[in-house]
Amino acid sequence: MSTHAAYDSKVEGNVIFTKADAAINWMRKNSLWPMPMGLACCAIELMATGAARFDIARFGAEVMRFSPRQSDVMIVAGTVTYKMALAVKRIWDQMPEPKWCIAMGACASSGGMYRSYAVLQGIDTLIPVDVYISGCPPRPEALIEGLMRLQRKIEGERSLSTLKGELTAGLV
C-alpha cells in the first residue's frame, strides 16, 4: 500500500492565491503608522482616538510615531499658521514613500473660522491630502471613519507597478 497521495487535504486550508498588489496593499492598510501633527484643539480629539474608549488599534494605527522617518500617514489636526507651515512641509518631506495625509478638522481642511493673514487656508495648498475630516473639532469616531476611508483608498492602489517603475528608473 502506497502512502503517497496525489491530493493532500491538509494543504488545502494552508494555501492562499492572491495578486501581489492585493497582498502588499493589505499589509500597508493594516499597519498604518501615523505622524500626529497636533497643532490646535483637534489634537485633543486625536489623542482621545488613541485611548482605550475608541481604540484605534483595531485598525492597525495605534503606533503613533513622532519620527517622520518611521511614519506613513500624517494627521494634520488643527490650525496651520504660516509660521508652522514650513515645519509641517519639512516633516512631510522627511517621510518615506508611500505616504498619505489626513486633514483633520475645519482649520486643517480650509482654514476654518480664521480668515487672517497668519493662517494657511487649507493644508492642501502645501501638501497633498488624501482624506478630509470635517468638524470643529471632529469627534474621534470621525477620525476612525477617515482612517477607514484611507484604508479603502490604499486597498485600490497599484503598488507593484509603481515599485517596478521606480526600480527601472533607478529611484529605489
Protein backbone atom coordinates (compact mmCIF):
# COMPACT_ATOMS: atom_id res chain seq x y z
CA MET A 1 0.00 0.00 0.00
CA SER A 2 1.39 3.38 -1.02
CA THR A 3 1.43 6.25 1.48
CA HIS A 4 1.99 8.84 -1.26
CA ALA A 5 -1.18 10.72 -2.10
CA ALA A 6 -1.78 12.94 -5.10
CA TYR A 7 -4.15 15.07 -3.04
CA ASP A 8 -3.33 16.19 0.48
CA SER A 9 -6.30 17.65 2.34
CA LYS A 10 -4.01 19.15 5.00
CA VAL A 11 -2.52 21.55 2.43
CA GLU A 12 -5.93 22.73 1.21
CA GLY A 13 -6.55 25.13 4.09
CA ASN A 14 -2.98 26.47 4.12
CA VAL A 15 -2.66 27.74 0.54
CA ILE A 16 -3.86 31.19 -0.48
CA PHE A 17 -3.83 32.57 -4.00
CA THR A 18 -3.78 36.34 -4.46
CA LYS A 19 -2.22 39.10 -6.52
CA ALA A 20 0.97 40.75 -5.30
CA ASP A 21 -0.74 44.17 -5.33
CA ALA A 22 -3.53 42.87 -3.12
CA ALA A 23 -1.08 41.36 -0.61
CA ILE A 24 1.12 44.48 -0.46
CA ASN A 25 -1.89 46.80 -0.10
CA TRP A 26 -3.40 44.55 2.59
CA MET A 27 -0.17 44.85 4.57
CA ARG A 28 0.04 48.62 4.06
CA LYS A 29 -3.56 49.35 5.00
CA ASN A 30 -3.43 47.27 8.18
CA SER A 31 -0.18 48.73 9.51
CA LEU A 32 -0.53 52.49 9.18
CA TRP A 33 1.83 54.42 11.43
CA PRO A 34 0.52 57.96 11.97
CA MET A 35 2.68 61.03 12.35
CA PRO A 36 0.49 63.26 14.54
CA MET A 37 0.70 66.97 13.75
CA GLY A 38 -1.46 68.23 16.60
CA LEU A 39 -1.48 71.98 16.12
CA ALA A 40 -4.64 73.08 17.97
CA CYS A 41 -7.83 71.84 19.63
CA CYS A 42 -8.26 68.95 17.15
CA ALA A 43 -5.16 67.42 18.70
CA ILE A 44 -7.14 66.63 21.87
CA GLU A 45 -9.59 64.58 19.79
CA LEU A 46 -6.65 62.92 18.02
CA MET A 47 -5.23 61.90 21.40
CA ALA A 48 -8.64 60.61 22.52
CA THR A 49 -8.75 58.36 19.44
CA GLY A 50 -5.68 56.53 20.70
CA ALA A 51 -7.25 55.96 24.13
CA ALA A 52 -8.96 52.77 25.23
CA ARG A 53 -12.52 54.03 24.65
CA PHE A 54 -12.08 54.43 20.89
CA ASP A 55 -9.17 52.01 20.38
CA ILE A 56 -7.58 52.93 17.08
CA ALA A 57 -5.51 49.75 17.48
CA ARG A 58 -8.36 47.81 15.84
CA PHE A 59 -7.24 49.37 12.56
CA GLY A 60 -3.51 48.83 12.97
CA ALA A 61 -2.79 52.52 13.53
CA GLU A 62 -2.08 52.68 17.26
CA VAL A 63 1.65 53.16 16.81
CA MET A 64 1.89 56.95 16.82
CA ARG A 65 5.36 57.77 15.63
CA PHE A 66 6.92 61.09 16.42
CA SER A 67 9.69 60.48 13.93
CA PRO A 68 8.82 61.24 10.30
CA ARG A 69 11.18 58.53 9.07
CA GLN A 70 9.04 55.87 10.75
CA SER A 71 5.63 57.20 9.69
CA ASP A 72 3.48 56.77 6.62
CA VAL A 73 0.32 58.79 7.50
CA MET A 74 0.47 62.41 8.55
CA ILE A 75 -2.60 63.52 10.51
CA VAL A 76 -2.71 67.32 10.42
CA ALA A 77 -5.03 68.19 13.30
CA GLY A 78 -5.79 71.84 13.82
CA THR A 79 -4.95 75.33 12.64
CA VAL A 80 -1.88 75.59 10.43
CA THR A 81 -0.29 79.02 10.70
CA TYR A 82 2.23 80.25 8.17
CA LYS A 83 4.84 80.09 10.91
CA MET A 84 4.21 76.31 11.32
CA ALA A 85 3.66 75.59 7.62
CA LEU A 86 7.34 75.20 6.77
CA ALA A 87 7.86 72.81 9.69
CA VAL A 88 4.88 70.71 8.56
CA LYS A 89 6.24 70.65 4.99
CA ARG A 90 9.71 69.68 6.19
CA ILE A 91 8.33 66.78 8.23
CA TRP A 92 6.19 65.69 5.24
CA ASP A 93 9.28 65.70 3.00
CA GLN A 94 11.18 63.53 5.51
CA MET A 95 8.50 60.81 5.50
CA PRO A 96 9.29 57.82 3.27
CA GLU A 97 7.11 56.78 0.32
CA PRO A 98 4.38 55.66 0.18
CA LYS A 99 2.81 58.26 2.43
CA TRP A 100 -0.66 59.64 2.95
CA CYS A 101 -2.18 62.70 4.62
CA ILE A 102 -5.36 63.20 6.64
CA ALA A 103 -6.59 66.77 7.19
CA MET A 104 -8.48 66.65 10.49
CA GLY A 105 -10.91 69.45 11.23
CA ALA A 106 -12.17 72.59 9.56
CA CYS A 107 -8.96 74.54 10.17
CA ALA A 108 -6.65 71.96 8.58
CA SER A 109 -9.05 71.50 5.67
CA SER A 110 -9.93 75.11 4.83
CA GLY A 111 -8.57 77.50 7.44
CA GLY A 112 -11.76 77.21 9.48
CA MET A 113 -13.09 80.40 11.00
CA TYR A 114 -9.70 82.09 10.75
CA ARG A 115 -9.63 84.27 7.64
CA SER A 116 -6.46 86.11 8.56
CA TYR A 117 -3.05 86.79 7.13
CA ALA A 118 -1.46 84.38 9.63
CA VAL A 119 -3.46 81.20 8.89
CA LEU A 120 -2.93 78.86 5.96
CA GLN A 121 -6.30 78.37 4.23
CA GLY A 122 -6.06 74.59 4.00
CA ILE A 123 -3.10 72.23 4.29
CA ASP A 124 -3.78 71.05 0.73
CA THR A 125 -2.12 74.23 -0.53
CA LEU A 126 1.13 72.85 0.90
CA ILE A 127 0.94 69.04 0.77
CA PRO A 128 -1.41 66.57 -0.99
CA VAL A 129 -4.34 65.46 1.18
CA ASP A 130 -5.94 62.03 0.80
CA VAL A 131 -8.79 62.29 3.33
CA TYR A 132 -10.60 65.34 4.73
CA ILE A 133 -12.41 65.07 8.07
CA SER A 134 -14.96 67.78 8.77
CA GLY A 135 -15.87 69.19 12.14
CA CYS A 136 -14.71 71.73 14.67
CA PRO A 137 -13.28 69.72 16.32
CA PRO A 138 -14.24 66.38 14.79
CA ARG A 139 -15.08 63.55 17.18
CA PRO A 140 -12.74 60.54 17.49
CA GLU A 141 -15.34 58.49 15.61
CA ALA A 142 -14.88 60.83 12.64
CA LEU A 143 -11.13 60.24 12.66
CA ILE A 144 -11.71 56.49 12.76
CA GLU A 145 -14.08 56.83 9.78
CA GLY A 146 -11.42 58.87 7.96
CA LEU A 147 -8.85 56.20 8.69
CA MET A 148 -11.17 53.53 7.30
CA ARG A 149 -11.66 55.63 4.15
CA LEU A 150 -7.90 55.89 3.78
CA GLN A 151 -7.63 52.12 4.16
CA ARG A 152 -10.17 51.66 1.36
CA LYS A 153 -8.15 54.05 -0.81
CA ILE A 154 -4.92 52.15 -0.12
CA GLU A 155 -6.69 48.88 -0.93
CA GLY A 156 -7.28 50.04 -4.50
CA GLU A 157 -3.79 51.37 -5.25
CA ARG A 158 -1.49 49.80 -7.81
CA SER A 159 1.55 49.26 -5.62
CA LEU A 160 3.60 46.69 -7.53
CA SER A 161 3.55 48.54 -10.86
CA THR A 162 4.66 51.71 -9.06
CA LEU A 163 7.50 49.82 -7.40
CA LYS A 164 8.56 48.32 -10.74
CA GLY A 165 8.59 51.79 -12.31
CA GLU A 166 10.80 53.12 -9.52
CA LEU A 167 13.17 50.14 -9.83
CA THR A 168 13.57 50.60 -13.58
CA ALA A 169 14.08 54.34 -13.14
CA GLY A 170 16.76 53.70 -10.52
CA LEU A 171 14.95 55.62 -7.77
CA VAL A 172 14.97 52.82 -5.17
